[in-house]
Amino acid sequence: HSMLIRLAKEVNAPELLPSAFYDLSRYLPSQLATGHATTPDGIARHLEYDDLLKVLRGKEQAARFFSTFIVNELEGRTPSQWCLNRNEINPLTKRACQLAFEAITFELIRDVNGIVFNRNSDPLFAIADSFLMQTRQDIPGAENRVIYRACESCRMEYGAIVDAMREDFWRRIPEWFELEVTNWG
């Protein structure tokens, strides 16, 4: 990554920098500071000091975006106005969609440091995965009765939010890593 950053700067290809900086931000700060990659001959690759600071500040901005996403889009999420469970008589069934989103919130917060599933060290992936959690282990052609599963209407409404948030996230990467890129996004 540090070699790609150097090369992109040398050949004046700033459009390569945001994805390289974001990819580096998925490493632990200790890995970034001590050398994020090792060559076959055992030499650790280090970032230039200014680039290291940019990666760390960008990592913080991405983490803030992700935590704001959890608070604004998942915590206390109410069912869609078209929720298929909205008019159910059984209180547990009526709250199924709300419980599903609470379960997603719990899973994301439980792995807040990325240690369990290494999800949250990549907020862009974690946002997408928060939607995919609702369809994992589906069996094609069968009625899937997985506990904590939102109805189709609630999932699709949430899926549209996930897509919009990922686009917004991607668009902000150059700003977060203090990079000037005119043709990004």
C-alpha atoms as a PDB file:
ATOM      1  CA  HIS A   1       0.000   0.000   0.000  1.00  0.00           C
ATOM      2  CA  SER A   2       2.738   2.449   0.876  1.00  0.00           C
ATOM      3  CA  MET A   3       4.402   1.570  -2.437  1.00  0.00           C
ATOM      4  CA  LEU A   4       1.129   2.181  -4.293  1.00  0.00           C
ATOM      5  CA  ILE A   5       0.778   5.541  -2.553  1.00  0.00           C
ATOM      6  CA  ARG A   6       4.330   6.509  -3.532  1.00  0.00           C
ATOM      7  CA  LEU A   7       3.771   5.378  -7.113  1.00  0.00           C
ATOM      8  CA  ALA A   8       0.417   7.216  -7.396  1.00  0.00           C
ATOM      9  CA  LYS A   9       2.112  10.399  -6.194  1.00  0.00           C
ATOM     10  CA  GLU A  10       5.058   9.962  -8.575  1.00  0.00           C
ATOM     11  CA  VAL A  11       2.900   9.423 -11.669  1.00  0.00           C
ATOM     12  CA  ASN A  12       0.327  12.036 -10.599  1.00  0.00           C
ATOM     13  CA  ALA A  13      -2.586   9.581 -10.262  1.00  0.00           C
ATOM     14  CA  PRO A  14      -4.427  10.987  -7.216  1.00  0.00           C
ATOM     15  CA  GLU A  15      -7.562   8.969  -8.060  1.00  0.00           C
ATOM     16  CA  LEU A  16      -5.739   5.868  -6.746  1.00  0.00           C
ATOM     17  CA  LEU A  17      -5.037   7.382  -3.340  1.00  0.00           C
ATOM     18  CA  PRO A  18      -8.457   7.305  -1.617  1.00  0.00           C
ATOM     19  CA  SER A  19      -8.959   3.562  -1.968  1.00  0.00           C
ATOM     20  CA  ALA A  20      -5.329   2.892  -0.939  1.00  0.00           C
ATOM     21  CA  PHE A  21      -5.667   5.086   2.151  1.00  0.00           C
ATOM     22  CA  TYR A  22      -9.008   3.509   3.043  1.00  0.00           C
ATOM     23  CA  ASP A  23      -7.583   0.026   2.642  1.00  0.00           C
ATOM     24  CA  LEU A  24      -4.719   0.943   4.974  1.00  0.00           C
ATOM     25  CA  SER A  25      -7.185   2.340   7.520  1.00  0.00           C
ATOM     26  CA  ARG A  26      -8.524  -1.179   8.042  1.00  0.00           C
ATOM     27  CA  TYR A  27      -5.247  -2.114   9.763  1.00  0.00           C
ATOM     28  CA  LEU A  28      -4.842  -1.666  13.508  1.00  0.00           C
ATOM     29  CA  PRO A  29      -3.072   1.591  14.452  1.00  0.00           C
ATOM     30  CA  SER A  30      -0.218  -0.433  15.957  1.00  0.00           C
ATOM     31  CA  GLN A  31       0.268  -2.256  12.639  1.00  0.00           C
ATOM     32  CA  LEU A  32       0.312   1.029  10.769  1.00  0.00           C
ATOM     33  CA  ALA A  33       2.869   2.558  13.129  1.00  0.00           C
ATOM     34  CA  THR A  34       5.230  -0.431  13.167  1.00  0.00           C
ATOM     35  CA  GLY A  35       4.938  -1.394   9.511  1.00  0.00           C
ATOM     36  CA  HIS A  36       1.754  -2.557   7.821  1.00  0.00           C
ATOM     37  CA  ALA A  37       3.280  -5.107   5.439  1.00  0.00           C
ATOM     38  CA  THR A  38       6.390  -7.169   5.231  1.00  0.00           C
ATOM     39  CA  THR A  39       8.219  -7.958   2.027  1.00  0.00           C
ATOM     40  CA  PRO A  40       9.336 -11.542   1.280  1.00  0.00           C
ATOM     41  CA  ASP A  41      12.808 -10.628   2.527  1.00  0.00           C
ATOM     42  CA  GLY A  42      11.389  -9.523   5.914  1.00  0.00           C
ATOM     43  CA  ILE A  43      11.518  -5.742   5.458  1.00  0.00           C
ATOM     44  CA  ALA A  44       8.565  -3.893   7.025  1.00  0.00           C
ATOM     45  CA  ARG A  45       6.889  -1.245   4.872  1.00  0.00           C
ATOM     46  CA  HIS A  46       6.239   2.052   6.618  1.00  0.00           C
ATOM     47  CA  LEU A  47       4.142   5.001   5.624  1.00  0.00           C
ATOM     48  CA  GLU A  48       5.598   8.466   5.499  1.00  0.00           C
ATOM     49  CA  TYR A  49       4.740  10.313   8.716  1.00  0.00           C
ATOM     50  CA  ASP A  50       2.262  12.703   7.045  1.00  0.00           C
ATOM     51  CA  ASP A  51       0.517   9.794   5.307  1.00  0.00           C
ATOM     52  CA  LEU A  52       0.354   7.859   8.585  1.00  0.00           C
ATOM     53  CA  LEU A  53      -1.410  10.800  10.223  1.00  0.00           C
ATOM     54  CA  LYS A  54      -3.807  11.060   7.281  1.00  0.00           C
ATOM     55  CA  VAL A  55      -4.634   7.358   7.536  1.00  0.00           C
ATOM     56  CA  LEU A  56      -5.243   7.587  11.286  1.00  0.00           C
ATOM     57  CA  ARG A  57      -7.438  10.712  10.972  1.00  0.00           C
ATOM     58  CA  GLY A  58      -9.356   9.133   8.085  1.00  0.00           C
ATOM     59  CA  LYS A  59      -9.799   5.939  10.102  1.00  0.00           C
ATOM     60  CA  GLU A  60     -11.330   8.011  12.902  1.00  0.00           C
ATOM     61  CA  GLN A  61     -13.705   9.780  10.498  1.00  0.00           C
ATOM     62  CA  ALA A  62     -14.825   6.451   9.006  1.00  0.00           C
ATOM     63  CA  ALA A  63     -15.422   5.071  12.519  1.00  0.00           C
ATOM     64  CA  ARG A  64     -17.501   8.140  13.428  1.00  0.00           C
ATOM     65  CA  PHE A  65     -19.572   7.740  10.275  1.00  0.00           C
ATOM     66  CA  PHE A  66     -20.158   4.096  11.168  1.00  0.00           C
ATOM     67  CA  SER A  67     -21.152   4.801  14.765  1.00  0.00           C
ATOM     68  CA  THR A  68     -23.493   7.568  13.588  1.00  0.00           C
ATOM     69  CA  PHE A  69     -24.994   5.100  11.114  1.00  0.00           C
ATOM     70  CA  ILE A  70     -25.707   2.669  13.966  1.00  0.00           C
ATOM     71  CA  VAL A  71     -27.300   5.378  16.103  1.00  0.00           C
ATOM     72  CA  ASN A  72     -29.353   7.007  13.341  1.00  0.00           C
ATOM     73  CA  GLU A  73     -30.392   4.005  11.260  1.00  0.00           C
ATOM     74  CA  LEU A  74     -30.462   0.997  13.595  1.00  0.00           C
ATOM     75  CA  GLU A  75     -30.971   1.949  17.246  1.00  0.00           C
ATOM     76  CA  GLY A  76     -34.690   2.070  17.955  1.00  0.00           C
ATOM     77  CA  ARG A  77     -35.519   1.509  14.281  1.00  0.00           C
ATOM     78  CA  THR A  78     -39.266   1.414  13.765  1.00  0.00           C
ATOM     79  CA  PRO A  79     -40.860  -0.916  11.237  1.00  0.00           C
ATOM     80  CA  SER A  80     -41.691   0.288   7.739  1.00  0.00           C
ATOM     81  CA  GLN A  81     -45.139   1.759   7.185  1.00  0.00           C
ATOM     82  CA  TRP A  82     -45.645  -1.238   4.876  1.00  0.00           C
ATOM     83  CA  CYS A  83     -44.438  -3.753   7.484  1.00  0.00           C
ATOM     84  CA  LEU A  84     -46.067  -7.147   6.965  1.00  0.00           C
ATOM     85  CA  ASN A  85     -46.121  -7.742  10.738  1.00  0.00           C
ATOM     86  CA  ARG A  86     -47.588  -4.365  11.698  1.00  0.00           C
ATOM     87  CA  ASN A  87     -51.153  -5.603  12.234  1.00  0.00           C
ATOM     88  CA  GLU A  88     -50.351  -8.939  13.877  1.00  0.00           C
ATOM     89  CA  ILE A  89     -52.192  -9.762  17.086  1.00  0.00           C
ATOM     90  CA  ASN A  90     -49.370 -11.758  18.686  1.00  0.00           C
ATOM     91  CA  PRO A  91     -47.119  -9.115  20.336  1.00  0.00           C
ATOM     92  CA  LEU A  92     -43.919 -11.036  19.560  1.00  0.00           C
ATOM     93  CA  THR A  93     -44.798 -11.384  15.881  1.00  0.00           C
ATOM     94  CA  LYS A  94     -45.868  -7.747  15.763  1.00  0.00           C
ATOM     95  CA  ARG A  95     -42.414  -6.711  17.046  1.00  0.00           C
ATOM     96  CA  ALA A  96     -40.449  -9.198  14.884  1.00  0.00           C
ATOM     97  CA  CYS A  97     -38.995  -6.542  12.584  1.00  0.00           C
ATOM     98  CA  GLN A  98     -38.016  -4.264  15.432  1.00  0.00           C
ATOM     99  CA  LEU A  99     -36.363  -7.228  17.181  1.00  0.00           C
ATOM    100  CA  ALA A 100     -34.484  -8.083  13.992  1.00  0.00           C
ATOM    101  CA  PHE A 101     -32.943  -4.614  13.813  1.00  0.00           C
ATOM    102  CA  GLU A 102     -32.137  -4.710  17.525  1.00  0.00           C
ATOM    103  CA  ALA A 103     -30.289  -7.989  16.901  1.00  0.00           C
ATOM    104  CA  ILE A 104     -28.268  -6.375  14.090  1.00  0.00           C
ATOM    105  CA  THR A 105     -27.433  -3.441  16.364  1.00  0.00           C
ATOM    106  CA  PHE A 106     -26.314  -5.850  19.078  1.00  0.00           C
ATOM    107  CA  GLU A 107     -24.100  -7.793  16.655  1.00  0.00           C
ATOM    108  CA  LEU A 108     -22.434  -4.638  15.352  1.00  0.00           C
ATOM    109  CA  ILE A 109     -21.868  -3.174  18.812  1.00  0.00           C
ATOM    110  CA  ARG A 110     -20.639  -6.511  20.162  1.00  0.00           C
ATOM    111  CA  ASP A 111     -17.929  -6.469  17.507  1.00  0.00           C
ATOM    112  CA  VAL A 112     -17.228  -2.749  17.803  1.00  0.00           C
ATOM    113  CA  ASN A 113     -13.459  -3.270  17.681  1.00  0.00           C
ATOM    114  CA  GLY A 114     -13.602  -5.812  14.880  1.00  0.00           C
ATOM    115  CA  ILE A 115     -12.115  -8.527  17.055  1.00  0.00           C
ATOM    116  CA  VAL A 116     -14.859 -11.154  16.801  1.00  0.00           C
ATOM    117  CA  PHE A 117     -15.627 -11.116  13.066  1.00  0.00           C
ATOM    118  CA  ASN A 118     -13.192  -8.408  11.884  1.00  0.00           C
ATOM    119  CA  ARG A 119     -16.173  -6.531  10.473  1.00  0.00           C
ATOM    120  CA  ASN A 120     -15.944  -3.106  11.990  1.00  0.00           C
ATOM    121  CA  SER A 121     -12.354  -2.524  11.009  1.00  0.00           C
ATOM    122  CA  ASP A 122     -13.973  -2.126   7.580  1.00  0.00           C
ATOM    123  CA  PRO A 123     -17.004   0.134   8.137  1.00  0.00           C
ATOM    124  CA  LEU A 124     -17.970   0.069   4.461  1.00  0.00           C
ATOM    125  CA  PHE A 125     -18.265  -3.714   4.621  1.00  0.00           C
ATOM    126  CA  ALA A 126     -19.967  -3.637   8.032  1.00  0.00           C
ATOM    127  CA  ILE A 127     -22.719  -1.341   6.727  1.00  0.00           C
ATOM    128  CA  ALA A 128     -23.394  -3.731   3.829  1.00  0.00           C
ATOM    129  CA  ASP A 129     -23.165  -6.730   6.142  1.00  0.00           C
ATOM    130  CA  SER A 130     -25.828  -5.238   8.424  1.00  0.00           C
ATOM    131  CA  PHE A 131     -28.268  -5.801   5.559  1.00  0.00           C
ATOM    132  CA  LEU A 132     -26.879  -9.198   4.562  1.00  0.00           C
ATOM    133  CA  MET A 133     -27.370 -10.458   8.136  1.00  0.00           C
ATOM    134  CA  GLN A 134     -31.072 -10.558   7.307  1.00  0.00           C
ATOM    135  CA  THR A 135     -30.727 -13.034   4.438  1.00  0.00           C
ATOM    136  CA  ARG A 136     -27.823 -15.225   5.506  1.00  0.00           C
ATOM    137  CA  GLN A 137     -28.583 -18.930   5.678  1.00  0.00           C
ATOM    138  CA  ASP A 138     -31.709 -18.631   3.519  1.00  0.00           C
ATOM    139  CA  ILE A 139     -32.681 -21.830   1.767  1.00  0.00           C
ATOM    140  CA  PRO A 140     -33.875 -21.157  -1.817  1.00  0.00           C
ATOM    141  CA  GLY A 141     -37.438 -22.322  -2.470  1.00  0.00           C
ATOM    142  CA  ALA A 142     -38.264 -22.811   1.206  1.00  0.00           C
ATOM    143  CA  GLU A 143     -40.052 -20.693   3.777  1.00  0.00           C
ATOM    144  CA  ASN A 144     -37.264 -19.345   5.936  1.00  0.00           C
ATOM    145  CA  ARG A 145     -38.285 -18.956   9.551  1.00  0.00           C
ATOM    146  CA  VAL A 146     -35.053 -17.650  11.058  1.00  0.00           C
ATOM    147  CA  ILE A 147     -35.507 -15.925  14.408  1.00  0.00           C
ATOM    148  CA  TYR A 148     -34.903 -12.175  14.338  1.00  0.00           C
ATOM    149  CA  ARG A 149     -35.708 -11.761  10.658  1.00  0.00           C
ATOM    150  CA  ALA A 150     -37.398  -8.591   9.429  1.00  0.00           C
ATOM    151  CA  CYS A 151     -40.199  -8.871   6.880  1.00  0.00           C
ATOM    152  CA  GLU A 152     -39.492  -8.204   3.210  1.00  0.00           C
ATOM    153  CA  SER A 153     -40.877  -4.640   3.343  1.00  0.00           C
ATOM    154  CA  CYS A 154     -38.723  -3.665   6.314  1.00  0.00           C
ATOM    155  CA  ARG A 155     -35.645  -5.307   4.794  1.00  0.00           C
ATOM    156  CA  MET A 156     -36.082  -3.571   1.449  1.00  0.00           C
ATOM    157  CA  GLU A 157     -36.594  -0.170   3.082  1.00  0.00           C
ATOM    158  CA  TYR A 158     -33.474  -0.742   5.166  1.00  0.00           C
ATOM    159  CA  GLY A 159     -31.593  -2.002   2.095  1.00  0.00           C
ATOM    160  CA  ALA A 160     -32.228   1.309   0.318  1.00  0.00           C
ATOM    161  CA  ILE A 161     -30.804   3.162   3.338  1.00  0.00           C
ATOM    162  CA  VAL A 162     -27.750   0.895   3.381  1.00  0.00           C
ATOM    163  CA  ASP A 163     -27.101   1.578  -0.323  1.00  0.00           C
ATOM    164  CA  ALA A 164     -27.421   5.355   0.179  1.00  0.00           C
ATOM    165  CA  MET A 165     -25.142   5.322   3.241  1.00  0.00           C
ATOM    166  CA  ARG A 166     -22.464   3.299   1.427  1.00  0.00           C
ATOM    167  CA  GLU A 167     -22.508   5.752  -1.492  1.00  0.00           C
ATOM    168  CA  ASP A 168     -22.236   8.683   0.922  1.00  0.00           C
ATOM    169  CA  PHE A 169     -19.391   6.939   2.765  1.00  0.00           C
ATOM    170  CA  TRP A 170     -17.459   6.269  -0.462  1.00  0.00           C
ATOM    171  CA  ARG A 171     -17.934   9.851  -1.656  1.00  0.00           C
ATOM    172  CA  ARG A 172     -16.433  11.215   1.615  1.00  0.00           C
ATOM    173  CA  ILE A 173     -13.261   9.112   1.635  1.00  0.00           C
ATOM    174  CA  PRO A 174     -10.980  11.724  -0.039  1.00  0.00           C
ATOM    175  CA  GLU A 175     -12.118  14.399   2.423  1.00  0.00           C
ATOM    176  CA  TRP A 176     -11.564  12.140   5.449  1.00  0.00           C
ATOM    177  CA  PHE A 177      -8.041  11.255   4.341  1.00  0.00           C
ATOM    178  CA  GLU A 178      -7.239  14.855   3.387  1.00  0.00           C
ATOM    179  CA  LEU A 179      -6.750  14.019  -0.282  1.00  0.00           C
ATOM    180  CA  GLU A 180      -7.458  16.268  -3.225  1.00  0.00           C
ATOM    181  CA  VAL A 181      -9.107  14.230  -5.959  1.00  0.00           C
ATOM    182  CA  THR A 182     -11.207  15.932  -8.610  1.00  0.00           C
ATOM    183  CA  ASN A 183     -12.599  12.814 -10.298  1.00  0.00           C
ATOM    184  CA  TRP A 184     -13.702  10.698  -7.316  1.00  0.00           C
ATOM    185  CA  GLY A 185     -16.967   8.953  -6.645  1.00  0.00           C
END
